[in-house]
N, C-alpha and C. Protein backbone atom coordinates (compact mmCIF):
# COMPACT_ATOMS: atom_id res chain seq x y z
N LEU A 1 0.03 11.92 -3.93
CA LEU A 1 0.32 12.08 -5.35
C LEU A 1 1.57 12.92 -5.54
N THR A 2 2.31 12.62 -6.58
CA THR A 2 3.42 13.48 -6.95
C THR A 2 2.84 14.75 -7.58
N THR A 3 3.68 15.75 -7.75
CA THR A 3 3.23 16.99 -8.38
C THR A 3 2.71 16.72 -9.78
N LEU A 4 3.41 15.91 -10.54
CA LEU A 4 2.97 15.59 -11.91
C LEU A 4 1.64 14.84 -11.89
N GLU A 5 1.49 13.88 -11.00
CA GLU A 5 0.23 13.14 -10.91
C GLU A 5 -0.91 14.06 -10.52
N PHE A 6 -0.65 14.97 -9.58
CA PHE A 6 -1.68 15.92 -9.17
C PHE A 6 -2.08 16.81 -10.35
N ASN A 7 -1.11 17.30 -11.10
CA ASN A 7 -1.41 18.15 -12.26
C ASN A 7 -2.16 17.37 -13.34
N LEU A 8 -1.82 16.12 -13.52
CA LEU A 8 -2.51 15.27 -14.48
C LEU A 8 -3.96 15.08 -14.05
N LEU A 9 -4.17 14.75 -12.77
CA LEU A 9 -5.52 14.57 -12.25
C LEU A 9 -6.33 15.87 -12.37
N THR A 10 -5.72 16.98 -12.03
CA THR A 10 -6.39 18.28 -12.13
C THR A 10 -6.81 18.57 -13.57
N THR A 11 -5.94 18.24 -14.51
CA THR A 11 -6.26 18.43 -15.92
C THR A 11 -7.49 17.61 -16.30
N PHE A 12 -7.51 16.36 -15.90
CA PHE A 12 -8.65 15.49 -16.22
C PHE A 12 -9.94 15.97 -15.55
N VAL A 13 -9.88 16.24 -14.26
CA VAL A 13 -11.07 16.60 -13.50
C VAL A 13 -11.63 17.95 -13.93
N SER A 14 -10.77 18.85 -14.35
CA SER A 14 -11.22 20.18 -14.79
C SER A 14 -11.92 20.15 -16.13
N ASN A 15 -11.77 19.05 -16.84
CA ASN A 15 -12.36 18.93 -18.18
C ASN A 15 -13.03 17.56 -18.34
N PRO A 16 -14.04 17.26 -17.52
CA PRO A 16 -14.66 15.93 -17.58
C PRO A 16 -15.23 15.65 -18.96
N GLY A 17 -14.99 14.44 -19.44
CA GLY A 17 -15.51 14.03 -20.74
C GLY A 17 -14.61 14.39 -21.91
N ARG A 18 -13.69 15.33 -21.71
CA ARG A 18 -12.78 15.70 -22.80
C ARG A 18 -11.73 14.61 -22.97
N VAL A 19 -11.50 14.24 -24.20
CA VAL A 19 -10.48 13.25 -24.50
C VAL A 19 -9.17 13.98 -24.79
N TRP A 20 -8.13 13.59 -24.07
CA TRP A 20 -6.80 14.18 -24.21
C TRP A 20 -5.89 13.16 -24.87
N ASN A 21 -5.21 13.54 -25.96
CA ASN A 21 -4.22 12.63 -26.52
C ASN A 21 -2.88 12.89 -25.84
N ARG A 22 -1.91 12.04 -26.10
CA ARG A 22 -0.62 12.15 -25.42
C ARG A 22 0.05 13.50 -25.69
N THR A 23 0.01 13.95 -26.92
CA THR A 23 0.65 15.21 -27.28
C THR A 23 0.04 16.38 -26.51
N GLN A 24 -1.27 16.40 -26.38
CA GLN A 24 -1.94 17.47 -25.64
C GLN A 24 -1.54 17.45 -24.17
N LEU A 25 -1.46 16.26 -23.58
CA LEU A 25 -1.08 16.15 -22.18
C LEU A 25 0.38 16.56 -21.98
N ILE A 26 1.25 16.18 -22.89
CA ILE A 26 2.65 16.58 -22.80
C ILE A 26 2.77 18.09 -22.87
N ASP A 27 2.07 18.71 -23.82
CA ASP A 27 2.11 20.16 -23.94
C ASP A 27 1.61 20.84 -22.68
N LYS A 28 0.54 20.31 -22.10
CA LYS A 28 -0.06 20.91 -20.91
C LYS A 28 0.81 20.72 -19.67
N LEU A 29 1.39 19.54 -19.50
CA LEU A 29 2.11 19.22 -18.27
C LEU A 29 3.60 19.52 -18.31
N TRP A 30 4.23 19.33 -19.46
CA TRP A 30 5.67 19.54 -19.56
C TRP A 30 6.02 20.78 -20.39
N GLY A 31 5.16 21.13 -21.31
CA GLY A 31 5.44 22.27 -22.17
C GLY A 31 6.64 22.01 -23.06
N ASP A 32 7.41 23.04 -23.29
CA ASP A 32 8.58 22.94 -24.17
C ASP A 32 9.74 22.21 -23.52
N ASN A 33 9.62 21.86 -22.25
CA ASN A 33 10.70 21.21 -21.54
C ASN A 33 10.71 19.69 -21.71
N PHE A 34 9.83 19.16 -22.56
CA PHE A 34 9.72 17.71 -22.70
C PHE A 34 10.69 17.20 -23.75
N PHE A 35 11.44 16.17 -23.35
CA PHE A 35 12.31 15.44 -24.28
C PHE A 35 12.13 13.97 -23.96
N GLY A 36 11.80 13.19 -24.96
CA GLY A 36 11.66 11.77 -24.71
C GLY A 36 10.51 11.17 -25.48
N ASP A 37 10.09 10.02 -25.03
CA ASP A 37 9.04 9.24 -25.66
C ASP A 37 7.68 9.65 -25.09
N GLU A 38 6.73 9.90 -25.97
CA GLU A 38 5.41 10.34 -25.48
C GLU A 38 4.66 9.24 -24.74
N ARG A 39 5.14 8.01 -24.81
CA ARG A 39 4.51 6.91 -24.07
C ARG A 39 4.69 7.06 -22.56
N VAL A 40 5.54 8.00 -22.14
CA VAL A 40 5.71 8.26 -20.71
C VAL A 40 4.37 8.69 -20.10
N VAL A 41 3.50 9.26 -20.91
CA VAL A 41 2.16 9.64 -20.44
C VAL A 41 1.43 8.39 -19.94
N ASP A 42 1.54 7.30 -20.67
CA ASP A 42 0.87 6.06 -20.27
C ASP A 42 1.35 5.59 -18.89
N THR A 43 2.64 5.74 -18.65
CA THR A 43 3.22 5.36 -17.37
C THR A 43 2.64 6.20 -16.24
N HIS A 44 2.54 7.49 -16.46
CA HIS A 44 2.01 8.37 -15.42
C HIS A 44 0.51 8.14 -15.19
N VAL A 45 -0.22 7.86 -16.25
CA VAL A 45 -1.64 7.54 -16.11
C VAL A 45 -1.80 6.24 -15.31
N ALA A 46 -0.98 5.26 -15.59
CA ALA A 46 -1.04 3.98 -14.86
C ALA A 46 -0.74 4.19 -13.37
N ARG A 47 0.26 5.01 -13.07
CA ARG A 47 0.59 5.28 -11.67
C ARG A 47 -0.54 6.02 -10.96
N LEU A 48 -1.14 6.97 -11.67
CA LEU A 48 -2.27 7.71 -11.09
C LEU A 48 -3.45 6.78 -10.85
N ARG A 49 -3.72 5.91 -11.80
CA ARG A 49 -4.82 4.95 -11.63
C ARG A 49 -4.61 4.07 -10.40
N LYS A 50 -3.38 3.64 -10.16
CA LYS A 50 -3.09 2.80 -9.00
C LYS A 50 -3.44 3.51 -7.69
N LYS A 51 -3.37 4.83 -7.71
CA LYS A 51 -3.61 5.60 -6.50
C LYS A 51 -5.06 6.03 -6.31
N ILE A 52 -5.83 6.16 -7.40
CA ILE A 52 -7.19 6.69 -7.24
C ILE A 52 -8.30 5.73 -7.64
N GLU A 53 -7.98 4.72 -8.39
CA GLU A 53 -9.02 3.80 -8.87
C GLU A 53 -9.25 2.68 -7.86
N PRO A 54 -10.52 2.31 -7.62
CA PRO A 54 -10.79 1.14 -6.77
C PRO A 54 -10.17 -0.13 -7.34
N ASP A 55 -10.22 -0.28 -8.66
CA ASP A 55 -9.63 -1.42 -9.36
C ASP A 55 -8.87 -0.87 -10.57
N PRO A 56 -7.57 -0.61 -10.43
CA PRO A 56 -6.81 0.01 -11.51
C PRO A 56 -6.84 -0.78 -12.84
N ALA A 57 -7.07 -2.09 -12.76
CA ALA A 57 -7.14 -2.90 -13.97
C ALA A 57 -8.43 -2.66 -14.74
N ASN A 58 -9.44 -2.14 -14.05
CA ASN A 58 -10.74 -1.82 -14.66
C ASN A 58 -11.12 -0.41 -14.23
N PRO A 59 -10.43 0.59 -14.79
CA PRO A 59 -10.63 1.97 -14.32
C PRO A 59 -12.05 2.49 -14.59
N THR A 60 -12.53 3.24 -13.60
CA THR A 60 -13.85 3.85 -13.75
C THR A 60 -13.77 5.37 -13.88
N PHE A 61 -12.66 5.97 -13.47
CA PHE A 61 -12.51 7.42 -13.52
C PHE A 61 -11.69 7.87 -14.73
N ILE A 62 -10.49 7.36 -14.85
CA ILE A 62 -9.64 7.74 -15.98
C ILE A 62 -9.74 6.63 -17.01
N ARG A 63 -10.48 6.93 -18.06
CA ARG A 63 -10.80 5.93 -19.07
C ARG A 63 -9.90 6.08 -20.29
N THR A 64 -9.57 4.97 -20.91
CA THR A 64 -8.83 4.98 -22.16
C THR A 64 -9.82 5.03 -23.30
N VAL A 65 -9.59 5.93 -24.23
CA VAL A 65 -10.35 5.97 -25.47
C VAL A 65 -9.40 5.41 -26.52
N VAL A 66 -9.63 4.17 -26.90
CA VAL A 66 -8.71 3.43 -27.76
C VAL A 66 -8.42 4.21 -29.04
N GLY A 67 -7.14 4.34 -29.33
CA GLY A 67 -6.71 5.02 -30.54
C GLY A 67 -6.72 6.53 -30.45
N VAL A 68 -7.16 7.07 -29.30
CA VAL A 68 -7.26 8.52 -29.16
C VAL A 68 -6.47 9.01 -27.95
N GLY A 69 -6.85 8.58 -26.75
CA GLY A 69 -6.17 9.06 -25.55
C GLY A 69 -6.91 8.68 -24.29
N TYR A 70 -7.01 9.65 -23.37
CA TYR A 70 -7.60 9.42 -22.06
C TYR A 70 -8.63 10.49 -21.74
N LYS A 71 -9.60 10.11 -20.90
CA LYS A 71 -10.58 11.08 -20.44
C LYS A 71 -11.00 10.74 -19.02
N PHE A 72 -11.52 11.75 -18.33
CA PHE A 72 -12.05 11.56 -16.98
C PHE A 72 -13.55 11.44 -17.05
N GLU A 73 -14.07 10.43 -16.37
CA GLU A 73 -15.51 10.24 -16.24
C GLU A 73 -15.83 10.04 -14.77
N ASP A 74 -16.88 10.69 -14.31
CA ASP A 74 -17.37 10.45 -12.96
C ASP A 74 -18.54 9.49 -13.07
N PRO A 75 -18.36 8.24 -12.63
CA PRO A 75 -19.43 7.24 -12.79
C PRO A 75 -20.68 7.57 -11.97
N LEU A 76 -20.58 8.51 -11.03
CA LEU A 76 -21.72 8.86 -10.21
C LEU A 76 -22.59 9.94 -10.85
N VAL A 77 -22.06 10.58 -11.89
CA VAL A 77 -22.81 11.63 -12.59
C VAL A 77 -23.36 11.05 -13.88
N ALA A 78 -24.65 11.13 -14.03
CA ALA A 78 -25.27 10.54 -15.23
C ALA A 78 -25.20 11.49 -16.39
């Protein structure tokens, strides 16, 4: 994983079930140093999914909450 992907994964895993919107993730990962389109978060989530998901097209760990953002779920924990 890249440093950014690792920090993104750590953010998700440290807060299971919490839904993060793009703005919150940008603030957490880039802080005041961010300039650009917030959709870059989607790109980094997609890259992370390719590396950790058994089937990135049907993610089981990093889930999309439509219209809100992303969250981490452990499918093995009920």
